[in-house]
Protein backbone atom coordinates (compact mmCIF):
# COMPACT_ATOMS: atom_id res chain seq x y z
CA UNK A 1 -68.34 -3.86 -117.65
CA UNK A 2 -66.36 -7.06 -117.51
CA UNK A 3 -68.42 -10.20 -118.06
CA UNK A 4 -66.99 -13.43 -116.74
CA UNK A 5 -68.23 -16.75 -118.08
CA UNK A 6 -68.06 -19.77 -115.80
CA UNK A 7 -67.78 -22.79 -118.08
CA UNK A 8 -68.44 -25.07 -115.09
CA UNK A 9 -71.71 -23.36 -114.19
CA UNK A 10 -75.01 -25.13 -114.69
CA UNK A 11 -76.44 -21.83 -115.93
CA UNK A 12 -76.40 -21.46 -119.73
CA UNK A 13 -73.89 -18.92 -121.02
CA UNK A 14 -76.59 -16.59 -122.35
CA UNK A 15 -78.15 -16.59 -118.86
CA UNK A 16 -74.79 -15.75 -117.27
CA UNK A 17 -74.45 -12.79 -119.64
CA UNK A 18 -78.03 -11.70 -118.88
CA UNK A 19 -77.54 -11.91 -115.12
CA UNK A 20 -74.31 -9.91 -115.20
CA UNK A 21 -75.78 -7.17 -117.40
CA UNK A 22 -78.76 -6.85 -115.04
CA UNK A 23 -76.34 -6.71 -112.10
CA UNK A 24 -74.35 -3.95 -113.79
CA UNK A 25 -77.55 -1.97 -114.38
CA UNK A 26 -78.64 -2.50 -110.77
CA UNK A 27 -75.36 -1.24 -109.35
CA UNK A 28 -75.17 1.72 -111.71
CA UNK A 29 -72.14 0.35 -113.53
CA UNK A 30 -74.29 0.62 -116.67
CA UNK A 31 -76.42 3.74 -117.06
CA UNK A 32 -79.50 4.41 -119.19
CA UNK A 33 -78.52 5.14 -122.78
CA UNK A 34 -75.09 3.56 -122.43
CA UNK A 35 -74.11 1.31 -125.34
CA UNK A 36 -73.22 -2.32 -124.80
CA UNK A 37 -70.51 -4.03 -126.83
CA UNK A 38 -71.63 -5.26 -130.22
CA UNK A 39 -72.75 -8.88 -130.40
CA UNK A 40 -69.70 -9.81 -132.47
CA UNK A 41 -67.30 -7.94 -130.22
CA UNK A 42 -68.62 -9.44 -126.99
CA UNK A 43 -68.77 -12.94 -128.50
CA UNK A 44 -65.15 -12.60 -129.62
CA UNK A 45 -64.02 -11.24 -126.22
CA UNK A 46 -65.80 -14.03 -124.33
CA UNK A 47 -64.85 -16.76 -126.80
CA UNK A 48 -68.47 -17.78 -127.34
CA UNK A 49 -70.76 -18.14 -130.33
CA UNK A 50 -72.29 -14.85 -131.46
CA UNK A 51 -75.75 -16.47 -131.35
CA UNK A 52 -75.27 -16.94 -127.60
CA UNK A 53 -74.67 -13.21 -127.08
CA UNK A 54 -77.50 -12.39 -129.47
CA UNK A 55 -79.87 -14.56 -127.39
CA UNK A 56 -78.80 -12.84 -124.16
CA UNK A 57 -79.36 -9.41 -125.70
CA UNK A 58 -82.74 -10.50 -127.10
CA UNK A 59 -83.88 -11.72 -123.68
CA UNK A 60 -82.68 -8.49 -122.05
CA UNK A 61 -84.54 -6.52 -124.72
CA UNK A 62 -87.70 -8.52 -124.21
CA UNK A 63 -87.47 -7.93 -120.45
CA UNK A 64 -87.08 -4.19 -120.99
CA UNK A 65 -83.44 -3.80 -119.94
CA UNK A 66 -82.08 -3.03 -123.40
CA UNK A 67 -83.14 -1.10 -126.46
CA UNK A 68 -81.92 -2.37 -129.81
CA UNK A 69 -81.25 0.32 -132.39
CA UNK A 70 -80.60 -1.55 -135.61
CA UNK A 71 -76.99 -1.32 -136.69
CA UNK A 72 -76.23 1.12 -133.87
CA UNK A 73 -76.44 -1.76 -131.42
CA UNK A 74 -77.78 -2.38 -127.94
CA UNK A 75 -78.25 0.36 -125.35
CA UNK A 76 -79.32 0.27 -121.72
CA UNK A 77 -82.99 1.21 -121.52
CA UNK A 78 -84.16 3.96 -119.22
CA UNK A 79 -86.27 1.77 -117.00
CA UNK A 80 -88.15 4.79 -115.65
CA UNK A 81 -89.71 5.09 -119.09
CA UNK A 82 -90.65 1.40 -119.34
CA UNK A 83 -93.96 0.47 -118.56
CA UNK A 84 -94.20 -24.10 -98.20
CA UNK A 85 -93.42 -27.29 -97.04
CA UNK A 86 -90.06 -27.81 -95.34
CA UNK A 87 -87.36 -27.11 -97.86
CA UNK A 88 -84.28 -29.20 -98.37
CA UNK A 89 -80.99 -27.35 -98.20
CA UNK A 90 -80.78 -27.44 -102.00
CA UNK A 91 -84.32 -26.12 -102.42
CA UNK A 92 -83.61 -23.40 -99.88
CA UNK A 93 -80.45 -22.43 -101.75
CA UNK A 94 -82.26 -22.40 -105.11
CA UNK A 95 -85.07 -20.29 -103.67
CA UNK A 96 -82.54 -17.84 -102.26
CA UNK A 97 -80.75 -17.67 -105.60
CA UNK A 98 -84.00 -16.97 -107.44
CA UNK A 99 -85.12 -14.37 -104.89
CA UNK A 100 -81.76 -12.62 -105.22
CA UNK A 101 -82.11 -12.65 -109.02
CA UNK A 102 -85.57 -11.12 -108.72
CA UNK A 103 -84.35 -8.54 -106.20
CA UNK A 104 -81.47 -7.51 -108.47
CA UNK A 105 -83.84 -7.21 -111.43
CA UNK A 106 -86.30 -5.18 -109.34
CA UNK A 107 -83.51 -2.87 -108.20
CA UNK A 108 -82.26 -2.50 -111.77
CA UNK A 109 -85.72 -1.28 -112.72
CA UNK A 110 -85.53 1.42 -110.06
CA UNK A 111 -87.39 -0.37 -107.26
CA UNK A 112 -86.55 0.09 -103.60
CA UNK A 113 -85.79 -2.63 -101.09
CA UNK A 114 -88.95 -1.92 -99.09
CA UNK A 115 -91.11 -1.99 -102.23
CA UNK A 116 -89.57 -5.32 -103.27
CA UNK A 117 -90.13 -6.86 -99.84
CA UNK A 118 -93.71 -5.59 -99.75
CA UNK A 119 -94.49 -6.93 -103.23
CA UNK A 120 -92.75 -10.24 -102.54
CA UNK A 121 -94.78 -10.65 -99.34
CA UNK A 122 -98.01 -9.77 -101.16
CA UNK A 123 -97.27 -12.27 -103.94
CA UNK A 124 -96.32 -14.95 -101.41
CA UNK A 125 -99.55 -14.38 -99.46
CA UNK A 126 -101.56 -14.62 -102.68
CA UNK A 127 -99.76 -17.79 -103.74
CA UNK A 128 -100.20 -19.45 -100.35
CA UNK A 129 -103.82 -18.34 -100.11
CA UNK A 130 -104.50 -19.89 -103.51
CA UNK A 131 -102.82 -23.11 -102.37
CA UNK A 132 -105.01 -23.25 -99.25
CA UNK A 133 -108.11 -22.63 -101.33
CA UNK A 134 -107.18 -25.44 -103.70
CA UNK A 135 -106.52 -27.81 -100.80
CA UNK A 136 -109.81 -26.93 -99.11
CA UNK A 137 -111.65 -27.29 -102.40
CA UNK A 138 -110.23 -30.77 -102.85
CA UNK A 139 -111.71 -31.81 -99.52
CA UNK A 140 -108.36 -32.57 -97.91
CA UNK A 141 -107.26 -31.63 -94.45
CA UNK A 142 -104.78 -28.76 -94.49
CA UNK A 143 -102.25 -29.04 -91.72
């Protein structure tokens, strides 16, 4: 699993590592139980501080993508066992980027496209309904 760091990216390096590991899990490039490179090894290969790789692995662990086994290292978790106003072009792009990140993460956890779309629609309806309720409660006209 080659990880490529873009030094010009606005995304922090640990986030770039995280995103690429999730992508590799989603596409099946990384399978449940498969070991990841050690923190030191990956840091050396990428030319980054080992604390950066450690942070990426910790975030992935906290999100349920990895299992840390002491000195044995990091392994891909078996996810099956784990419990608008008009947008500017930039806002639209950022929303698309975030939705794609969420979709990739959902797929990596074994979710289907239809289930993701259904859940995203449900969450969007709930969020917009809450917004309308707040606007009505404030006594403003909602147009």
